[in-house]
Amino acid sequence: MSTEAPKFNQTNVYRVRRDSRLNQSIFLSKVILKKHGTIQIEGMGESISLVAKVAQILQKNGLASTTSITSGSVSRE
């Protein structure tokens, strides 16, 4: 019985960090799209604008379409 953790990049989720670059994000998004067919781009805080730019560029080039945009907040106690 093997309980292996999922290998790197085995899901269709791309999490954008604050220090991510636009060109790098587009390239990795294209790789995930080619492998899985769909992509979910996530970001938090300062990286939200980069997430929106990547989604707009992918949509403008006909590679993806935006189906939903959601926002949430995290509360600290």
Protein backbone atom coordinates (compact mmCIF):
# COMPACT_ATOMS: atom_id res chain seq x y z
CA MET A 1 0.00 0.00 0.00
CA SER A 2 1.69 3.12 -1.23
CA THR A 3 0.65 6.60 -0.11
CA GLU A 4 2.69 8.78 -2.41
CA ALA A 5 2.20 12.51 -2.50
CA PRO A 6 1.13 13.89 -5.88
CA LYS A 7 4.10 14.74 -8.07
CA PHE A 8 4.86 18.36 -8.88
CA ASN A 9 2.46 19.94 -11.36
CA GLN A 10 0.09 16.98 -11.58
CA THR A 11 -2.94 19.25 -11.15
CA ASN A 12 -4.41 21.99 -13.31
CA VAL A 13 -3.91 24.69 -10.66
CA TYR A 14 -1.34 27.45 -11.13
CA ARG A 15 -0.70 29.62 -8.07
CA VAL A 16 0.75 33.03 -8.86
CA ARG A 17 3.12 34.44 -6.27
CA ARG A 18 4.07 38.04 -5.64
CA ASP A 19 7.48 37.62 -7.29
CA SER A 20 6.22 35.77 -10.39
CA ARG A 21 6.95 37.26 -13.79
CA LEU A 22 4.31 37.74 -16.48
CA ASN A 23 6.21 35.83 -19.21
CA GLN A 24 6.92 32.94 -16.85
CA SER A 25 3.28 32.78 -15.77
CA ILE A 26 2.03 32.70 -19.36
CA PHE A 27 4.51 29.97 -20.31
CA LEU A 28 3.60 27.77 -17.34
CA SER A 29 -0.11 28.36 -17.97
CA LYS A 30 0.30 27.18 -21.57
CA VAL A 31 2.13 24.06 -20.37
CA ILE A 32 -0.67 23.24 -17.91
CA LEU A 33 -3.32 23.91 -20.56
CA LYS A 34 -1.58 21.58 -23.00
CA LYS A 35 -1.30 18.83 -20.39
CA HIS A 36 -4.74 19.06 -18.74
CA GLY A 37 -6.96 21.05 -21.11
CA THR A 38 -8.16 23.34 -18.32
CA ILE A 39 -6.41 25.62 -15.87
CA GLN A 40 -7.28 27.29 -12.60
CA ILE A 41 -5.16 30.36 -11.87
CA GLU A 42 -5.03 31.45 -8.25
CA GLY A 43 -3.49 34.42 -6.50
CA MET A 44 -3.68 36.29 -3.23
CA GLY A 45 -3.05 39.87 -2.23
CA GLU A 46 -0.61 41.72 -4.48
CA SER A 47 -0.64 39.01 -7.14
CA ILE A 48 -4.32 39.45 -8.08
CA SER A 49 -3.45 41.96 -10.80
CA LEU A 50 -0.98 39.49 -12.32
CA VAL A 51 -3.63 36.76 -12.29
CA ALA A 52 -6.00 39.05 -14.18
CA LYS A 53 -3.32 39.95 -16.74
CA VAL A 54 -2.46 36.30 -17.40
CA ALA A 55 -6.15 35.41 -17.82
CA GLN A 56 -6.70 38.34 -20.21
CA ILE A 57 -3.67 37.42 -22.35
CA LEU A 58 -4.70 33.75 -22.56
CA GLN A 59 -8.23 34.77 -23.53
CA LYS A 60 -7.03 37.36 -26.07
CA ASN A 61 -4.85 34.76 -27.81
CA GLY A 62 -7.72 32.26 -27.95
CA LEU A 63 -6.04 29.74 -25.65
CA ALA A 64 -8.56 29.88 -22.82
CA SER A 65 -11.88 31.37 -21.83
CA THR A 66 -12.81 32.77 -18.45
CA THR A 67 -15.66 30.82 -16.88
CA SER A 68 -15.72 32.17 -13.34
CA ILE A 69 -14.02 34.71 -11.15
CA THR A 70 -14.36 34.32 -7.41
CA SER A 71 -12.96 36.21 -4.50
CA GLY A 72 -12.66 35.34 -0.86
CA SER A 73 -11.24 36.73 2.30
CA VAL A 74 -9.26 35.17 5.09
CA SER A 75 -9.97 36.28 8.61
CA ARG A 76 -7.49 36.01 11.42
CA GLU A 77 -8.61 35.66 14.98
